[in-house]
Structures are given as structure tokens and as C-alpha cells.
Amino acid sequence: MMPMLPLSRLITLCSFLLAPLMIVACASAPPSALRSNVRQLLSLQKSRLDVAATVARSKWNSGAPIDDPARERIILDEVARQARGMGLDEQWSRRFFQDQFDAGKVVQRDLHRQWRQEQRPPFANPPDLGLEVRPVLDRLTPEILTAMTPLQGRQCDPSVMRALQELTPEILGDAYSPPVQSKAIDALRCD
């Protein structure tokens, strides 16, 4: 007959043997809340990128340059003001939105290049940037900042990195090329 271990020793032994398994199990399953936060932010980023084609049509018709540093500065100053009010890091918020501008410009340049090759005439009813586009972007900005809040400082969290890697192609992949995707998520990557 085998001697029985006291219950306290058995519990200690089981805890010792199960602890590594529990750590591995917890590390391999991303917390659903963080995954949901990444999904929400990427969806809002896609909504913002979807506006880039409309901006491209307007600029195609007007001949306006794709780059508009003065307008970007105004928006980034407003982003910083809103971020500060929400307790978000201003520099990270500026960098994130600059990445969104840059990703949108990649989309616009690609479309303009395609239209030049096609010798595309002006569009019949070009969108008005001030009346149709800016209100959409102005509505998205605080929504994006709100979605960024739970991810601030967590870019190196394994569950965030995994969610970003898995969800970016799912949410942005069908609509946007790898360079656009890469630029859009640059500020979300672990440095």
C-alpha cells in the first residue's frame, strides 16, 4: 500500500505542477477585451481610410496637391488638445494620426497614378471636402481617440500584438494594400 500525502502537501505539489501550464494557457489566449479594443480601433481606422478615395476624387478634379501640411498641422493640434483632455499621450496620438494621414495619402497617390494611366477625365459630381468629407473625419477623430485609450502603453502586451497581427489583414486586408496597412498600424506596434 502506497503512503498517502497530507492534503496540504498534495495541494502544494499540484499547484507547483499546474502553475506553468496555467501561465502558458493564460499567455496563449488574448484577453477578449483587448482583442475587442484592437478590433474596434482597426474598424474605425478602416472607416477613416475609406474616406481617402473620396478625397482623391475631389483633389483629382481640383488639381489640389495630395499633401496638405498646413491642414495636417491644424488637425494634429486639435488631436493633441483632445488627447490631453482624455488623458492620452499627446505625442503618441499625434504620431498615430500622422500615420493615418500618411496611409490615406498612399491610397490617394495610388488612385491618382491609376487615373493618370487611364487618362481619367474629371469626375461628374466631385465631393466637397468641407461639406462632405471633413464632417465625417471630424466625427471619427474623437471615436478613434476613445478607442485608443485602453491600448495606450499596451502596444507591447502580447495579446495586443497578437490581435493586431491577426486582425489587421482581416479588417483592412481586402480593401487596402500591405503598405497602407503597415503605415496605418505603425504607431500601434511595439517599439
C-alpha atoms as a PDB file:
ATOM      1  CA  MET A   1       0.000   0.000   0.000  1.00  0.00           C
ATOM      2  CA  MET A   2       1.311   3.398  -1.020  1.00  0.00           C
ATOM      3  CA  PRO A   3       1.540   6.058   1.719  1.00  0.00           C
ATOM      4  CA  MET A   4      -0.889   8.964   1.318  1.00  0.00           C
ATOM      5  CA  LEU A   5       0.406  12.514   1.211  1.00  0.00           C
ATOM      6  CA  PRO A   6      -1.159  15.015   3.567  1.00  0.00           C
ATOM      7  CA  LEU A   7      -3.745  17.154   1.816  1.00  0.00           C
ATOM      8  CA  SER A   8      -1.729  20.369   2.196  1.00  0.00           C
ATOM      9  CA  ARG A   9       1.308  18.727   0.561  1.00  0.00           C
ATOM     10  CA  LEU A  10      -0.840  17.350  -2.252  1.00  0.00           C
ATOM     11  CA  ILE A  11      -2.281  20.797  -2.932  1.00  0.00           C
ATOM     12  CA  THR A  12       1.208  22.343  -2.918  1.00  0.00           C
ATOM     13  CA  LEU A  13       2.501  19.668  -5.286  1.00  0.00           C
ATOM     14  CA  CYS A  14      -0.446  20.105  -7.649  1.00  0.00           C
ATOM     15  CA  SER A  15      -0.045  23.895  -7.587  1.00  0.00           C
ATOM     16  CA  PHE A  16       3.640  23.549  -8.364  1.00  0.00           C
ATOM     17  CA  LEU A  17       2.952  21.224 -11.297  1.00  0.00           C
ATOM     18  CA  LEU A  18      -0.043  23.135 -12.679  1.00  0.00           C
ATOM     19  CA  ALA A  19       1.336  26.677 -12.378  1.00  0.00           C
ATOM     20  CA  PRO A  20       3.468  26.526 -15.557  1.00  0.00           C
ATOM     21  CA  LEU A  21       0.536  25.094 -17.502  1.00  0.00           C
ATOM     22  CA  MET A  22      -1.758  27.852 -16.260  1.00  0.00           C
ATOM     23  CA  ILE A  23       0.783  30.539 -17.190  1.00  0.00           C
ATOM     24  CA  VAL A  24       1.126  29.132 -20.714  1.00  0.00           C
ATOM     25  CA  ALA A  25      -2.652  28.858 -21.083  1.00  0.00           C
ATOM     26  CA  CYS A  26      -3.189  32.458 -19.974  1.00  0.00           C
ATOM     27  CA  ALA A  27      -0.405  33.779 -22.206  1.00  0.00           C
ATOM     28  CA  SER A  28      -1.676  31.983 -25.305  1.00  0.00           C
ATOM     29  CA  ALA A  29      -5.253  33.240 -25.096  1.00  0.00           C
ATOM     30  CA  PRO A  30      -5.501  37.011 -25.609  1.00  0.00           C
ATOM     31  CA  PRO A  31      -7.896  38.744 -23.247  1.00  0.00           C
ATOM     32  CA  SER A  32     -11.099  39.296 -25.159  1.00  0.00           C
ATOM     33  CA  ALA A  33     -11.387  42.899 -24.004  1.00  0.00           C
ATOM     34  CA  LEU A  34      -8.041  43.899 -25.538  1.00  0.00           C
ATOM     35  CA  ARG A  35      -8.799  41.975 -28.712  1.00  0.00           C
ATOM     36  CA  SER A  36     -12.129  43.761 -28.894  1.00  0.00           C
ATOM     37  CA  ASN A  37     -10.362  47.120 -28.406  1.00  0.00           C
ATOM     38  CA  VAL A  38      -7.944  46.351 -31.255  1.00  0.00           C
ATOM     39  CA  ARG A  39     -10.852  45.247 -33.475  1.00  0.00           C
ATOM     40  CA  GLN A  40     -12.785  48.441 -32.740  1.00  0.00           C
ATOM     41  CA  LEU A  41      -9.787  50.679 -33.420  1.00  0.00           C
ATOM     42  CA  LEU A  42      -8.943  48.917 -36.690  1.00  0.00           C
ATOM     43  CA  SER A  43     -12.585  49.208 -37.798  1.00  0.00           C
ATOM     44  CA  LEU A  44     -12.514  52.950 -37.124  1.00  0.00           C
ATOM     45  CA  GLN A  45      -9.209  53.223 -38.977  1.00  0.00           C
ATOM     46  CA  LYS A  46     -10.814  51.474 -41.946  1.00  0.00           C
ATOM     47  CA  SER A  47     -13.705  53.943 -41.855  1.00  0.00           C
ATOM     48  CA  ARG A  48     -11.184  56.774 -41.928  1.00  0.00           C
ATOM     49  CA  LEU A  49      -9.207  55.187 -44.762  1.00  0.00           C
ATOM     50  CA  ASP A  50     -12.410  54.666 -46.738  1.00  0.00           C
ATOM     51  CA  VAL A  51     -12.671  58.464 -46.976  1.00  0.00           C
ATOM     52  CA  ALA A  52      -9.327  58.644 -48.812  1.00  0.00           C
ATOM     53  CA  ALA A  53     -10.889  57.639 -52.152  1.00  0.00           C
ATOM     54  CA  THR A  54     -13.413  60.465 -51.839  1.00  0.00           C
ATOM     55  CA  VAL A  55     -10.617  62.921 -51.040  1.00  0.00           C
ATOM     56  CA  ALA A  56      -8.664  61.601 -54.032  1.00  0.00           C
ATOM     57  CA  ARG A  57     -11.639  62.272 -56.368  1.00  0.00           C
ATOM     58  CA  SER A  58     -12.022  65.805 -55.061  1.00  0.00           C
ATOM     59  CA  LYS A  59      -8.311  66.545 -55.423  1.00  0.00           C
ATOM     60  CA  TRP A  60      -8.259  64.932 -58.864  1.00  0.00           C
ATOM     61  CA  ASN A  61     -10.904  67.357 -60.050  1.00  0.00           C
ATOM     62  CA  SER A  62      -9.470  70.434 -58.327  1.00  0.00           C
ATOM     63  CA  GLY A  63      -5.828  69.673 -59.039  1.00  0.00           C
ATOM     64  CA  ALA A  64      -5.081  70.287 -55.357  1.00  0.00           C
ATOM     65  CA  PRO A  65      -1.952  68.575 -54.038  1.00  0.00           C
ATOM     66  CA  ILE A  66      -2.349  65.381 -52.067  1.00  0.00           C
ATOM     67  CA  ASP A  67      -0.062  66.717 -49.341  1.00  0.00           C
ATOM     68  CA  ASP A  68      -1.545  69.484 -47.223  1.00  0.00           C
ATOM     69  CA  PRO A  69       0.886  70.079 -44.342  1.00  0.00           C
ATOM     70  CA  ALA A  70      -0.906  73.214 -43.101  1.00  0.00           C
ATOM     71  CA  ARG A  71      -4.233  71.361 -42.778  1.00  0.00           C
ATOM     72  CA  GLU A  72      -2.490  68.375 -41.162  1.00  0.00           C
ATOM     73  CA  ARG A  73      -0.883  70.669 -38.555  1.00  0.00           C
ATOM     74  CA  ILE A  74      -4.281  72.137 -37.664  1.00  0.00           C
ATOM     75  CA  ILE A  75      -5.785  68.665 -37.271  1.00  0.00           C
ATOM     76  CA  LEU A  76      -2.810  67.360 -35.267  1.00  0.00           C
ATOM     77  CA  ASP A  77      -3.023  70.335 -32.904  1.00  0.00           C
ATOM     78  CA  GLU A  78      -6.717  69.580 -32.366  1.00  0.00           C
ATOM     79  CA  VAL A  79      -5.939  65.869 -31.879  1.00  0.00           C
ATOM     80  CA  ALA A  80      -3.339  66.785 -29.244  1.00  0.00           C
ATOM     81  CA  ARG A  81      -5.827  69.051 -27.458  1.00  0.00           C
ATOM     82  CA  GLN A  82      -8.494  66.322 -27.416  1.00  0.00           C
ATOM     83  CA  ALA A  83      -5.952  63.657 -26.400  1.00  0.00           C
ATOM     84  CA  ARG A  84      -4.754  65.779 -23.488  1.00  0.00           C
ATOM     85  CA  GLY A  85      -8.349  66.150 -22.300  1.00  0.00           C
ATOM     86  CA  MET A  86      -8.812  62.376 -22.433  1.00  0.00           C
ATOM     87  CA  GLY A  87      -5.563  61.574 -20.624  1.00  0.00           C
ATOM     88  CA  LEU A  88      -3.917  60.203 -23.747  1.00  0.00           C
ATOM     89  CA  ASP A  89      -0.265  60.766 -24.549  1.00  0.00           C
ATOM     90  CA  GLU A  90      -0.205  63.706 -26.978  1.00  0.00           C
ATOM     91  CA  GLN A  91       2.878  62.582 -28.896  1.00  0.00           C
ATOM     92  CA  TRP A  92       1.533  59.064 -29.406  1.00  0.00           C
ATOM     93  CA  SER A  93      -1.813  60.488 -30.525  1.00  0.00           C
ATOM     94  CA  ARG A  94      -0.125  62.856 -32.987  1.00  0.00           C
ATOM     95  CA  ARG A  95       2.035  60.040 -34.331  1.00  0.00           C
ATOM     96  CA  PHE A  96      -0.987  57.755 -34.688  1.00  0.00           C
ATOM     97  CA  PHE A  97      -2.960  60.362 -36.650  1.00  0.00           C
ATOM     98  CA  GLN A  98       0.061  61.294 -38.777  1.00  0.00           C
ATOM     99  CA  ASP A  99       0.235  57.613 -39.702  1.00  0.00           C
ATOM    100  CA  GLN A 100      -3.443  57.757 -40.694  1.00  0.00           C
ATOM    101  CA  PHE A 101      -2.755  60.791 -42.899  1.00  0.00           C
ATOM    102  CA  ASP A 102       0.210  59.022 -44.484  1.00  0.00           C
ATOM    103  CA  ALA A 103      -1.772  55.810 -45.105  1.00  0.00           C
ATOM    104  CA  GLY A 104      -4.564  57.854 -46.694  1.00  0.00           C
ATOM    105  CA  LYS A 105      -2.034  59.624 -48.919  1.00  0.00           C
ATOM    106  CA  VAL A 106      -0.723  56.269 -50.131  1.00  0.00           C
ATOM    107  CA  VAL A 107      -4.300  55.414 -51.162  1.00  0.00           C
ATOM    108  CA  GLN A 108      -4.717  58.788 -52.883  1.00  0.00           C
ATOM    109  CA  ARG A 109      -1.396  58.576 -54.731  1.00  0.00           C
ATOM    110  CA  ASP A 110      -2.194  55.056 -55.932  1.00  0.00           C
ATOM    111  CA  LEU A 111      -5.576  56.215 -57.246  1.00  0.00           C
ATOM    112  CA  HIS A 112      -4.100  59.303 -58.933  1.00  0.00           C
ATOM    113  CA  ARG A 113      -1.419  57.160 -60.565  1.00  0.00           C
ATOM    114  CA  GLN A 114      -4.102  54.764 -61.833  1.00  0.00           C
ATOM    115  CA  TRP A 115      -6.262  57.630 -63.135  1.00  0.00           C
ATOM    116  CA  ARG A 116      -3.297  59.249 -64.928  1.00  0.00           C
ATOM    117  CA  GLN A 117      -2.591  55.933 -66.669  1.00  0.00           C
ATOM    118  CA  GLU A 118      -6.255  55.656 -67.646  1.00  0.00           C
ATOM    119  CA  GLN A 119      -6.309  59.322 -68.670  1.00  0.00           C
ATOM    120  CA  ARG A 120      -9.348  59.704 -66.489  1.00  0.00           C
ATOM    121  CA  PRO A 121     -11.442  62.829 -67.041  1.00  0.00           C
ATOM    122  CA  PRO A 122     -12.714  64.798 -64.047  1.00  0.00           C
ATOM    123  CA  PHE A 123     -15.466  63.183 -62.000  1.00  0.00           C
ATOM    124  CA  ALA A 124     -19.029  64.360 -62.690  1.00  0.00           C
ATOM    125  CA  ASN A 125     -20.007  65.303 -59.131  1.00  0.00           C
ATOM    126  CA  PRO A 126     -16.854  65.765 -57.109  1.00  0.00           C
ATOM    127  CA  PRO A 127     -17.347  65.690 -53.347  1.00  0.00           C
ATOM    128  CA  ASP A 128     -16.983  68.908 -51.403  1.00  0.00           C
ATOM    129  CA  LEU A 129     -14.192  68.362 -48.876  1.00  0.00           C
ATOM    130  CA  GLY A 130     -15.511  70.980 -46.468  1.00  0.00           C
ATOM    131  CA  LEU A 131     -19.143  69.896 -46.538  1.00  0.00           C
ATOM    132  CA  GLU A 132     -18.988  66.152 -47.148  1.00  0.00           C
ATOM    133  CA  VAL A 133     -15.600  64.839 -46.049  1.00  0.00           C
ATOM    134  CA  ARG A 134     -14.396  66.889 -43.098  1.00  0.00           C
ATOM    135  CA  PRO A 135     -17.560  66.298 -41.038  1.00  0.00           C
ATOM    136  CA  VAL A 136     -17.012  62.543 -41.368  1.00  0.00           C
ATOM    137  CA  LEU A 137     -13.367  62.847 -40.329  1.00  0.00           C
ATOM    138  CA  ASP A 138     -14.260  65.241 -37.504  1.00  0.00           C
ATOM    139  CA  ARG A 139     -16.774  62.692 -36.175  1.00  0.00           C
ATOM    140  CA  LEU A 140     -14.253  59.840 -36.408  1.00  0.00           C
ATOM    141  CA  THR A 141     -11.436  61.649 -34.581  1.00  0.00           C
ATOM    142  CA  PRO A 142     -12.901  61.502 -31.048  1.00  0.00           C
ATOM    143  CA  GLU A 143     -14.164  57.966 -31.685  1.00  0.00           C
ATOM    144  CA  ILE A 144     -10.647  56.892 -32.651  1.00  0.00           C
ATOM    145  CA  LEU A 145      -9.129  58.628 -29.628  1.00  0.00           C
ATOM    146  CA  THR A 146     -11.634  56.877 -27.371  1.00  0.00           C
ATOM    147  CA  ALA A 147     -10.740  53.524 -28.943  1.00  0.00           C
ATOM    148  CA  MET A 148      -7.028  54.265 -28.458  1.00  0.00           C
ATOM    149  CA  THR A 149      -7.430  54.907 -24.724  1.00  0.00           C
ATOM    150  CA  PRO A 150      -7.449  51.292 -23.453  1.00  0.00           C
ATOM    151  CA  LEU A 151      -4.482  50.447 -25.718  1.00  0.00           C
ATOM    152  CA  GLN A 152      -2.227  53.300 -24.572  1.00  0.00           C
ATOM    153  CA  GLY A 153       1.010  51.880 -23.202  1.00  0.00           C
ATOM    154  CA  ARG A 154      -0.095  48.328 -24.024  1.00  0.00           C
ATOM    155  CA  GLN A 155       1.392  48.066 -27.519  1.00  0.00           C
ATOM    156  CA  CYS A 156       3.939  45.526 -26.256  1.00  0.00           C
ATOM    157  CA  ASP A 157       1.328  43.406 -24.483  1.00  0.00           C
ATOM    158  CA  PRO A 158       1.494  40.010 -26.227  1.00  0.00           C
ATOM    159  CA  SER A 159      -2.281  39.867 -26.565  1.00  0.00           C
ATOM    160  CA  VAL A 160      -2.366  43.281 -28.273  1.00  0.00           C
ATOM    161  CA  MET A 161       0.492  42.349 -30.615  1.00  0.00           C
ATOM    162  CA  ARG A 162      -1.228  39.066 -31.488  1.00  0.00           C
ATOM    163  CA  ALA A 163      -4.620  40.731 -32.045  1.00  0.00           C
ATOM    164  CA  LEU A 164      -3.020  43.391 -34.242  1.00  0.00           C
ATOM    165  CA  GLN A 165      -1.226  40.759 -36.309  1.00  0.00           C
ATOM    166  CA  GLU A 166      -4.364  38.640 -36.749  1.00  0.00           C
ATOM    167  CA  LEU A 167      -6.996  41.352 -37.152  1.00  0.00           C
ATOM    168  CA  THR A 168      -5.199  43.842 -39.423  1.00  0.00           C
ATOM    169  CA  PRO A 169      -5.385  41.619 -42.538  1.00  0.00           C
ATOM    170  CA  GLU A 170      -8.942  40.612 -41.630  1.00  0.00           C
ATOM    171  CA  ILE A 171     -10.231  44.176 -41.253  1.00  0.00           C
ATOM    172  CA  LEU A 172      -8.006  46.146 -43.640  1.00  0.00           C
ATOM    173  CA  GLY A 173      -6.714  43.398 -45.925  1.00  0.00           C
ATOM    174  CA  ASP A 174      -9.439  43.160 -48.533  1.00  0.00           C
ATOM    175  CA  ALA A 175      -9.624  46.892 -49.085  1.00  0.00           C
ATOM    176  CA  TYR A 176      -6.045  48.088 -48.610  1.00  0.00           C
ATOM    177  CA  SER A 177      -2.603  47.041 -49.787  1.00  0.00           C
ATOM    178  CA  PRO A 178       0.099  45.875 -47.358  1.00  0.00           C
ATOM    179  CA  PRO A 179       1.925  49.261 -47.470  1.00  0.00           C
ATOM    180  CA  VAL A 180      -1.298  51.052 -46.482  1.00  0.00           C
ATOM    181  CA  GLN A 181      -1.982  48.532 -43.710  1.00  0.00           C
ATOM    182  CA  SER A 182       1.573  48.784 -42.419  1.00  0.00           C
ATOM    183  CA  LYS A 183       1.516  52.572 -42.306  1.00  0.00           C
ATOM    184  CA  ALA A 184      -1.922  52.646 -40.640  1.00  0.00           C
ATOM    185  CA  ILE A 185      -0.834  50.470 -37.712  1.00  0.00           C
ATOM    186  CA  ASP A 186       2.702  51.819 -37.300  1.00  0.00           C
ATOM    187  CA  ALA A 187       2.027  53.686 -34.022  1.00  0.00           C
ATOM    188  CA  LEU A 188       0.302  50.605 -32.590  1.00  0.00           C
ATOM    189  CA  ARG A 189       3.368  48.418 -32.970  1.00  0.00           C
ATOM    190  CA  CYS A 190       5.610  47.571 -30.049  1.00  0.00           C
ATOM    191  CA  ASP A 191       8.713  49.777 -30.240  1.00  0.00           C
END
